[in-house]
């Protein structure tokens, strides 16, 4: 071995020992902190798993209670179902609270408490974060408002839905057209129906009903000379127990 090779080997050995001593020094200095952080990490992982398990258990329990309340309603125990849904509006996840409030509102509607049903659907819409759930509650309230409020009030209520350009907006426009016809606002009815017949992204059923209704709509001259006719409702109101599952 040459002198240069021996020197290089000695330097490498010294460098290795320096690194080892530095590592040992760092471990003595920071080791407790590193160990503590590792323990905290393990505790965090365990806590997250426990929380996930708890959330799954809660979701299963809420689902069971919700479906049990639905079964009570289907079996004719309306008051029992109403009480169960009311209880579910105050507990559990936001989604189940909203769906329970919508089912509660549907029972109010069936029992003839239309103002209460509108208020409950409005509250569900205000609390809902999911756009589809929010708009479903708004539309359900609008269907009831069509029976209890004047056309101008209904038109104001439907505007946010119409402007959303979602799938539900086509049902809102259909309801607006029918109520405009029934209240004598033929220009609004005609323009809304014409728009629906040309809306190729609208559901087929909505476009077909708009075409039929437009054909039945009195001409402008006939409309001005005659009293408003009452068309067959093209906008079919959803069944009370189905609105929460849209």
C-alpha atoms as a PDB file:
ATOM      1  CA  UNK A   1       0.000   0.000   0.000  1.00  0.00           C
ATOM      2  CA  UNK A   2       1.356   3.407  -0.898  1.00  0.00           C
ATOM      3  CA  UNK A   3       1.731   6.236   1.517  1.00  0.00           C
ATOM      4  CA  UNK A   4      -1.048   8.201  -0.214  1.00  0.00           C
ATOM      5  CA  UNK A   5      -3.451   5.265   0.067  1.00  0.00           C
ATOM      6  CA  UNK A   6      -2.700   4.898   3.747  1.00  0.00           C
ATOM      7  CA  UNK A   7      -3.244   8.592   4.316  1.00  0.00           C
ATOM      8  CA  UNK A   8      -6.563   8.546   2.454  1.00  0.00           C
ATOM      9  CA  UNK A   9      -7.747   5.517   4.445  1.00  0.00           C
ATOM     10  CA  UNK A  10      -6.830   7.215   7.703  1.00  0.00           C
ATOM     11  CA  UNK A  11      -8.723  10.371   6.718  1.00  0.00           C
ATOM     12  CA  UNK A  12     -11.821   8.356   5.817  1.00  0.00           C
ATOM     13  CA  UNK A  13     -11.692   6.505   9.134  1.00  0.00           C
ATOM     14  CA  UNK A  14     -11.394   9.764  11.064  1.00  0.00           C
ATOM     15  CA  UNK A  15     -14.260  11.277   9.072  1.00  0.00           C
ATOM     16  CA  UNK A  16     -16.436   8.234   9.780  1.00  0.00           C
ATOM     17  CA  UNK A  17     -15.713   8.451  13.510  1.00  0.00           C
ATOM     18  CA  UNK A  18     -16.514  12.182  13.525  1.00  0.00           C
ATOM     19  CA  UNK A  19     -19.868  11.507  11.872  1.00  0.00           C
ATOM     20  CA  UNK A  20     -20.649   8.731  14.338  1.00  0.00           C
ATOM     21  CA  UNK A  21     -19.753  10.911  17.328  1.00  0.00           C
ATOM     22  CA  UNK A  22     -21.861  13.745  15.923  1.00  0.00           C
ATOM     23  CA  UNK A  23     -24.799  11.381  15.441  1.00  0.00           C
ATOM     24  CA  UNK A  24     -24.462  10.070  19.002  1.00  0.00           C
ATOM     25  CA  UNK A  25     -24.256  13.626  20.284  1.00  0.00           C
ATOM     26  CA  UNK A  26     -27.382  14.608  18.350  1.00  0.00           C
ATOM     27  CA  UNK A  27     -29.217  11.545  19.637  1.00  0.00           C
ATOM     28  CA  UNK A  28     -28.274  12.375  23.223  1.00  0.00           C
ATOM     29  CA  UNK A  29     -29.363  15.962  22.648  1.00  0.00           C
ATOM     30  CA  UNK A  30     -32.513  15.516  20.561  1.00  0.00           C
ATOM     31  CA  UNK A  31     -33.358  11.871  21.139  1.00  0.00           C
ATOM     32  CA  UNK A  32     -36.009  12.485  23.831  1.00  0.00           C
ATOM     33  CA  UNK A  33     -37.715  15.053  21.606  1.00  0.00           C
ATOM     34  CA  UNK A  34     -37.702  12.726  18.602  1.00  0.00           C
ATOM     35  CA  UNK A  35     -39.048   9.881  20.709  1.00  0.00           C
ATOM     36  CA  UNK A  36     -41.745  12.166  22.079  1.00  0.00           C
ATOM     37  CA  UNK A  37     -42.783  13.275  18.618  1.00  0.00           C
ATOM     38  CA  UNK A  38     -42.936   9.662  17.500  1.00  0.00           C
ATOM     39  CA  UNK A  39     -45.179   8.806  20.446  1.00  0.00           C
ATOM     40  CA  UNK A  40     -47.428  11.775  19.621  1.00  0.00           C
ATOM     41  CA  UNK A  41     -47.576  10.575  16.017  1.00  0.00           C
ATOM     42  CA  UNK A  42     -48.608   7.087  17.121  1.00  0.00           C
ATOM     43  CA  UNK A  43     -51.239   8.510  19.467  1.00  0.00           C
ATOM     44  CA  UNK A  44     -52.564  10.672  16.628  1.00  0.00           C
ATOM     45  CA  UNK A  45     -52.866   7.673  14.313  1.00  0.00           C
ATOM     46  CA  UNK A  46     -54.652   5.685  16.992  1.00  0.00           C
ATOM     47  CA  UNK A  47     -56.971   8.581  17.812  1.00  0.00           C
ATOM     48  CA  UNK A  48     -57.849   9.060  14.150  1.00  0.00           C
ATOM     49  CA  UNK A  49     -58.700   5.378  13.808  1.00  0.00           C
ATOM     50  CA  UNK A  50     -60.873   5.507  16.935  1.00  0.00           C
ATOM     51  CA  UNK A  51     -62.634   8.625  15.611  1.00  0.00           C
ATOM     52  CA  UNK A  52     -63.225   6.969  12.225  1.00  0.00           C
ATOM     53  CA  UNK A  53     -64.691   3.914  13.922  1.00  0.00           C
ATOM     54  CA  UNK A  54     -66.941   6.105  16.065  1.00  0.00           C
ATOM     55  CA  UNK A  55     -68.153   8.065  13.039  1.00  0.00           C
ATOM     56  CA  UNK A  56     -68.979   4.840  11.212  1.00  0.00           C
ATOM     57  CA  UNK A  57     -70.956   3.568  14.195  1.00  0.00           C
ATOM     58  CA  UNK A  58     -72.861   6.861  14.453  1.00  0.00           C
ATOM     59  CA  UNK A  59     -73.648   6.841  10.710  1.00  0.00           C
ATOM     60  CA  UNK A  60     -74.994   3.286  10.899  1.00  0.00           C
ATOM     61  CA  UNK A  61     -77.137   4.187  13.902  1.00  0.00           C
ATOM     62  CA  UNK A  62     -78.527   7.282  12.164  1.00  0.00           C
ATOM     63  CA  UNK A  63     -79.290   5.297   9.033  1.00  0.00           C
ATOM     64  CA  UNK A  64     -81.166   2.669  11.052  1.00  0.00           C
ATOM     65  CA  UNK A  65     -83.211   5.284  12.922  1.00  0.00           C
ATOM     66  CA  UNK A  66     -84.020   7.168   9.726  1.00  0.00           C
ATOM     67  CA  UNK A  67     -85.224   4.070   7.886  1.00  0.00           C
ATOM     68  CA  UNK A  68     -87.194   2.966  10.946  1.00  0.00           C
ATOM     69  CA  UNK A  69     -89.024   6.312  10.903  1.00  0.00           C
ATOM     70  CA  UNK A  70     -89.734   5.888   7.190  1.00  0.00           C
ATOM     71  CA  UNK A  71     -91.180   2.445   7.813  1.00  0.00           C
ATOM     72  CA  UNK A  72     -93.457   3.857  10.510  1.00  0.00           C
ATOM     73  CA  UNK A  73     -94.796   6.388   8.013  1.00  0.00           C
ATOM     74  CA  UNK A  74     -95.321   3.715   5.354  1.00  0.00           C
ATOM     75  CA  UNK A  75     -97.193   1.534   7.845  1.00  0.00           C
ATOM     76  CA  UNK A  76     -99.549   4.389   8.743  1.00  0.00           C
ATOM     77  CA  UNK A  77     -98.017   5.405  12.071  1.00  0.00           C
ATOM     78  CA  UNK A  78     -97.813   9.034  10.973  1.00  0.00           C
ATOM     79  CA  UNK A  79     -97.590  10.589  14.426  1.00  0.00           C
ATOM     80  CA  UNK A  80     -94.865   8.157  15.473  1.00  0.00           C
ATOM     81  CA  UNK A  81     -92.904   8.864  12.307  1.00  0.00           C
ATOM     82  CA  UNK A  82     -93.349  12.595  12.757  1.00  0.00           C
ATOM     83  CA  UNK A  83     -91.968  12.439  16.298  1.00  0.00           C
ATOM     84  CA  UNK A  84     -89.040  10.285  15.153  1.00  0.00           C
ATOM     85  CA  UNK A  85     -88.141  12.637  12.308  1.00  0.00           C
ATOM     86  CA  UNK A  86     -88.422  15.647  14.603  1.00  0.00           C
ATOM     87  CA  UNK A  87     -85.988  13.997  17.018  1.00  0.00           C
ATOM     88  CA  UNK A  88     -83.574  13.262  14.165  1.00  0.00           C
ATOM     89  CA  UNK A  89     -83.537  16.943  13.145  1.00  0.00           C
ATOM     90  CA  UNK A  90     -81.588  17.742  16.315  1.00  0.00           C
ATOM     91  CA  UNK A  91     -78.952  15.001  16.294  1.00  0.00           C
ATOM     92  CA  UNK A  92     -76.468  13.264  14.054  1.00  0.00           C
ATOM     93  CA  UNK A  93     -74.766  14.428  10.893  1.00  0.00           C
ATOM     94  CA  UNK A  94     -75.908  17.451   8.927  1.00  0.00           C
ATOM     95  CA  UNK A  95     -77.096  15.329   5.996  1.00  0.00           C
ATOM     96  CA  UNK A  96     -79.395  13.199   8.149  1.00  0.00           C
ATOM     97  CA  UNK A  97     -80.685  16.273   9.996  1.00  0.00           C
ATOM     98  CA  UNK A  98     -81.641  17.887   6.687  1.00  0.00           C
ATOM     99  CA  UNK A  99     -83.282  14.731   5.322  1.00  0.00           C
ATOM    100  CA  UNK A 100     -85.185  14.247   8.579  1.00  0.00           C
ATOM    101  CA  UNK A 101     -86.432  17.839   8.447  1.00  0.00           C
ATOM    102  CA  UNK A 102     -87.643  17.341   4.886  1.00  0.00           C
ATOM    103  CA  UNK A 103     -89.491  14.159   5.862  1.00  0.00           C
ATOM    104  CA  UNK A 104     -90.972  16.007   8.831  1.00  0.00           C
ATOM    105  CA  UNK A 105     -92.117  18.784   6.470  1.00  0.00           C
ATOM    106  CA  UNK A 106     -93.689  16.204   4.153  1.00  0.00           C
ATOM    107  CA  UNK A 107     -95.745  14.845   7.051  1.00  0.00           C
ATOM    108  CA  UNK A 108     -96.823  18.372   7.955  1.00  0.00           C
ATOM    109  CA  UNK A 109     -98.006  18.769   4.372  1.00  0.00           C
ATOM    110  CA  UNK A 110     -99.961  15.507   4.480  1.00  0.00           C
ATOM    111  CA  UNK A 111    -101.590  16.590   7.738  1.00  0.00           C
ATOM    112  CA  UNK A 112    -102.684  19.891   6.176  1.00  0.00           C
ATOM    113  CA  UNK A 113    -100.218  22.188   7.955  1.00  0.00           C
ATOM    114  CA  UNK A 114     -99.100  23.844   4.724  1.00  0.00           C
ATOM    115  CA  UNK A 115     -97.573  26.945   6.296  1.00  0.00           C
ATOM    116  CA  UNK A 116     -95.635  24.768   8.725  1.00  0.00           C
ATOM    117  CA  UNK A 117     -94.470  22.534   5.881  1.00  0.00           C
ATOM    118  CA  UNK A 118     -93.221  25.530   3.881  1.00  0.00           C
ATOM    119  CA  UNK A 119     -91.354  26.822   6.939  1.00  0.00           C
ATOM    120  CA  UNK A 120     -89.740  23.421   7.529  1.00  0.00           C
ATOM    121  CA  UNK A 121     -88.677  23.043   3.903  1.00  0.00           C
ATOM    122  CA  UNK A 122     -87.307  26.597   3.955  1.00  0.00           C
ATOM    123  CA  UNK A 123     -85.297  25.796   7.080  1.00  0.00           C
ATOM    124  CA  UNK A 124     -83.950  22.616   5.484  1.00  0.00           C
ATOM    125  CA  UNK A 125     -82.897  24.609   2.412  1.00  0.00           C
ATOM    126  CA  UNK A 126     -81.203  27.239   4.572  1.00  0.00           C
ATOM    127  CA  UNK A 127     -79.204  24.615   6.484  1.00  0.00           C
ATOM    128  CA  UNK A 128     -78.313  22.344   3.551  1.00  0.00           C
ATOM    129  CA  UNK A 129     -74.787  22.556   2.159  1.00  0.00           C
ATOM    130  CA  UNK A 130     -75.310  20.090  -0.664  1.00  0.00           C
ATOM    131  CA  UNK A 131     -76.712  22.013  -3.687  1.00  0.00           C
ATOM    132  CA  UNK A 132     -79.045  19.205  -4.794  1.00  0.00           C
ATOM    133  CA  UNK A 133     -80.479  18.770  -1.309  1.00  0.00           C
ATOM    134  CA  UNK A 134     -80.854  22.542  -0.935  1.00  0.00           C
ATOM    135  CA  UNK A 135     -82.658  22.952  -4.261  1.00  0.00           C
ATOM    136  CA  UNK A 136     -84.857  19.917  -3.588  1.00  0.00           C
ATOM    137  CA  UNK A 137     -86.069  21.519  -0.361  1.00  0.00           C
ATOM    138  CA  UNK A 138     -86.645  24.836  -2.146  1.00  0.00           C
ATOM    139  CA  UNK A 139     -88.674  23.150  -4.884  1.00  0.00           C
ATOM    140  CA  UNK A 140     -90.763  21.189  -2.373  1.00  0.00           C
ATOM    141  CA  UNK A 141     -91.581  24.446  -0.600  1.00  0.00           C
ATOM    142  CA  UNK A 142     -92.480  26.076  -3.933  1.00  0.00           C
ATOM    143  CA  UNK A 143     -94.937  23.300  -4.836  1.00  0.00           C
ATOM    144  CA  UNK A 144     -96.792  23.967  -1.590  1.00  0.00           C
ATOM    145  CA  UNK A 145     -96.519  27.743  -1.976  1.00  0.00           C
ATOM    146  CA  UNK A 146     -98.248  27.393  -5.361  1.00  0.00           C
ATOM    147  CA  UNK A 147    -101.357  26.378  -3.410  1.00  0.00           C
ATOM    148  CA  UNK A 148    -101.154  29.023  -0.692  1.00  0.00           C
ATOM    149  CA  UNK A 149     -99.430  32.112  -2.127  1.00  0.00           C
ATOM    150  CA  UNK A 150    -100.116  34.491  -5.004  1.00  0.00           C
ATOM    151  CA  UNK A 151     -98.235  34.325  -8.287  1.00  0.00           C
ATOM    152  CA  UNK A 152     -95.874  37.201  -7.515  1.00  0.00           C
ATOM    153  CA  UNK A 153     -94.761  35.591  -4.248  1.00  0.00           C
ATOM    154  CA  UNK A 154     -94.266  32.253  -5.982  1.00  0.00           C
ATOM    155  CA  UNK A 155     -92.308  33.900  -8.781  1.00  0.00           C
ATOM    156  CA  UNK A 156     -89.924  35.475  -6.244  1.00  0.00           C
ATOM    157  CA  UNK A 157     -89.534  32.128  -4.509  1.00  0.00           C
ATOM    158  CA  UNK A 158     -88.701  30.346  -7.775  1.00  0.00           C
ATOM    159  CA  UNK A 159     -86.165  32.861  -9.090  1.00  0.00           C
ATOM    160  CA  UNK A 160     -83.105  31.431  -7.256  1.00  0.00           C
ATOM    161  CA  UNK A 161     -83.944  27.970  -8.573  1.00  0.00           C
ATOM    162  CA  UNK A 162     -84.505  29.186 -12.127  1.00  0.00           C
ATOM    163  CA  UNK A 163     -81.228  31.105 -12.114  1.00  0.00           C
ATOM    164  CA  UNK A 164     -79.251  28.107 -10.843  1.00  0.00           C
ATOM    165  CA  UNK A 165     -79.451  26.384 -14.272  1.00  0.00           C
ATOM    166  CA  UNK A 166     -79.380  22.991 -12.563  1.00  0.00           C
ATOM    167  CA  UNK A 167     -81.578  20.018 -13.473  1.00  0.00           C
ATOM    168  CA  UNK A 168     -84.030  21.116 -10.804  1.00  0.00           C
ATOM    169  CA  UNK A 169     -84.291  24.547 -12.452  1.00  0.00           C
ATOM    170  CA  UNK A 170     -86.304  22.977 -15.301  1.00  0.00           C
ATOM    171  CA  UNK A 171     -88.939  21.768 -12.826  1.00  0.00           C
ATOM    172  CA  UNK A 172     -89.002  25.240 -11.293  1.00  0.00           C
ATOM    173  CA  UNK A 173     -89.605  26.808 -14.715  1.00  0.00           C
ATOM    174  CA  UNK A 174     -92.325  24.277 -15.445  1.00  0.00           C
ATOM    175  CA  UNK A 175     -94.090  25.165 -12.197  1.00  0.00           C
ATOM    176  CA  UNK A 176     -93.725  28.872 -12.981  1.00  0.00           C
ATOM    177  CA  UNK A 177     -95.313  28.417 -16.418  1.00  0.00           C
ATOM    178  CA  UNK A 178     -98.294  26.461 -15.080  1.00  0.00           C
ATOM    179  CA  UNK A 179     -98.954  28.949 -12.288  1.00  0.00           C
ATOM    180  CA  UNK A 180     -98.519  31.864 -14.693  1.00  0.00           C
ATOM    181  CA  UNK A 181    -101.229  30.362 -16.919  1.00  0.00           C
ATOM    182  CA  UNK A 182    -103.582  29.742 -14.024  1.00  0.00           C
ATOM    183  CA  UNK A 183    -103.139  33.289 -12.726  1.00  0.00           C
ATOM    184  CA  UNK A 184    -103.632  34.886 -16.148  1.00  0.00           C
ATOM    185  CA  UNK A 185    -100.001  35.863 -16.828  1.00  0.00           C
ATOM    186  CA  UNK A 186    -100.065  34.400 -20.324  1.00  0.00           C
ATOM    187  CA  UNK A 187     -96.969  36.222 -21.551  1.00  0.00           C
ATOM    188  CA  UNK A 188     -94.874  34.725 -18.754  1.00  0.00           C
ATOM    189  CA  UNK A 189     -96.414  31.305 -19.331  1.00  0.00           C
ATOM    190  CA  UNK A 190     -95.803  31.421 -23.075  1.00  0.00           C
ATOM    191  CA  UNK A 191     -92.195  32.621 -22.917  1.00  0.00           C
ATOM    192  CA  UNK A 192     -91.324  30.127 -20.177  1.00  0.00           C
ATOM    193  CA  UNK A 193     -92.886  27.214 -22.057  1.00  0.00           C
ATOM    194  CA  UNK A 194     -91.179  28.211 -25.301  1.00  0.00           C
ATOM    195  CA  UNK A 195     -87.825  28.285 -23.509  1.00  0.00           C
ATOM    196  CA  UNK A 196     -88.479  24.829 -22.092  1.00  0.00           C
ATOM    197  CA  UNK A 197     -89.323  23.345 -25.489  1.00  0.00           C
ATOM    198  CA  UNK A 198     -85.972  24.611 -26.787  1.00  0.00           C
ATOM    199  CA  UNK A 199     -83.966  23.501 -23.745  1.00  0.00           C
ATOM    200  CA  UNK A 200     -82.431  20.318 -25.120  1.00  0.00           C
ATOM    201  CA  UNK A 201     -80.604  19.688 -21.836  1.00  0.00           C
ATOM    202  CA  UNK A 202     -83.942  19.563 -20.001  1.00  0.00           C
ATOM    203  CA  UNK A 203     -85.412  16.176 -19.012  1.00  0.00           C
ATOM    204  CA  UNK A 204     -87.463  14.659 -21.834  1.00  0.00           C
ATOM    205  CA  UNK A 205     -90.616  14.606 -19.725  1.00  0.00           C
ATOM    206  CA  UNK A 206     -90.360  18.322 -18.974  1.00  0.00           C
ATOM    207  CA  UNK A 207     -89.867  19.247 -22.641  1.00  0.00           C
ATOM    208  CA  UNK A 208     -92.744  17.034 -23.767  1.00  0.00           C
ATOM    209  CA  UNK A 209     -95.119  18.488 -21.175  1.00  0.00           C
ATOM    210  CA  UNK A 210     -94.036  21.998 -22.162  1.00  0.00           C
ATOM    211  CA  UNK A 211     -94.847  21.261 -25.824  1.00  0.00           C
ATOM    212  CA  UNK A 212     -98.294  19.903 -24.943  1.00  0.00           C
ATOM    213  CA  UNK A 213     -99.080  22.767 -22.576  1.00  0.00           C
ATOM    214  CA  UNK A 214     -97.886  25.363 -25.080  1.00  0.00           C
ATOM    215  CA  UNK A 215    -100.255  23.912 -27.685  1.00  0.00           C
ATOM    216  CA  UNK A 216    -103.151  24.258 -25.225  1.00  0.00           C
ATOM    217  CA  UNK A 217    -102.266  27.800 -24.186  1.00  0.00           C
ATOM    218  CA  UNK A 218    -104.796  30.318 -25.547  1.00  0.00           C
ATOM    219  CA  UNK A 219    -103.587  32.700 -28.223  1.00  0.00           C
ATOM    220  CA  UNK A 220    -102.889  36.252 -27.129  1.00  0.00           C
ATOM    221  CA  UNK A 221    -106.131  37.532 -28.675  1.00  0.00           C
ATOM    222  CA  UNK A 222    -108.185  34.725 -27.144  1.00  0.00           C
ATOM    223  CA  UNK A 223    -106.482  35.144 -23.798  1.00  0.00           C
ATOM    224  CA  UNK A 224    -107.315  38.836 -23.653  1.00  0.00           C
ATOM    225  CA  UNK A 225    -110.956  38.146 -24.505  1.00  0.00           C
ATOM    226  CA  UNK A 226    -111.543  35.175 -22.221  1.00  0.00           C
ATOM    227  CA  UNK A 227    -111.055  34.389 -18.576  1.00  0.00           C
ATOM    228  CA  UNK A 228    -107.963  32.339 -17.690  1.00  0.00           C
ATOM    229  CA  UNK A 229    -108.406  28.626 -18.255  1.00  0.00           C
ATOM    230  CA  UNK A 230    -107.219  26.019 -15.789  1.00  0.00           C
ATOM    231  CA  UNK A 231    -104.821  23.571 -17.428  1.00  0.00           C
ATOM    232  CA  UNK A 232    -104.100  20.111 -16.237  1.00  0.00           C
ATOM    233  CA  UNK A 233    -101.063  20.327 -14.011  1.00  0.00           C
ATOM    234  CA  UNK A 234     -97.952  19.391 -15.909  1.00  0.00           C
ATOM    235  CA  UNK A 235     -95.661  19.777 -12.921  1.00  0.00           C
ATOM    236  CA  UNK A 236     -96.248  16.686 -10.882  1.00  0.00           C
ATOM    237  CA  UNK A 237     -95.655  17.211  -7.193  1.00  0.00           C
ATOM    238  CA  UNK A 238     -93.218  14.645  -5.728  1.00  0.00           C
ATOM    239  CA  UNK A 239     -94.508  12.136  -3.215  1.00  0.00           C
ATOM    240  CA  UNK A 240     -93.956  13.334   0.377  1.00  0.00           C
ATOM    241  CA  UNK A 241     -91.707  10.430   1.337  1.00  0.00           C
ATOM    242  CA  UNK A 242     -89.425  10.786  -1.697  1.00  0.00           C
ATOM    243  CA  UNK A 243     -88.256  14.379  -1.561  1.00  0.00           C
ATOM    244  CA  UNK A 244     -85.412  13.657   0.890  1.00  0.00           C
ATOM    245  CA  UNK A 245     -83.753  11.130  -1.421  1.00  0.00           C
ATOM    246  CA  UNK A 246     -83.275  13.194  -4.544  1.00  0.00           C
END
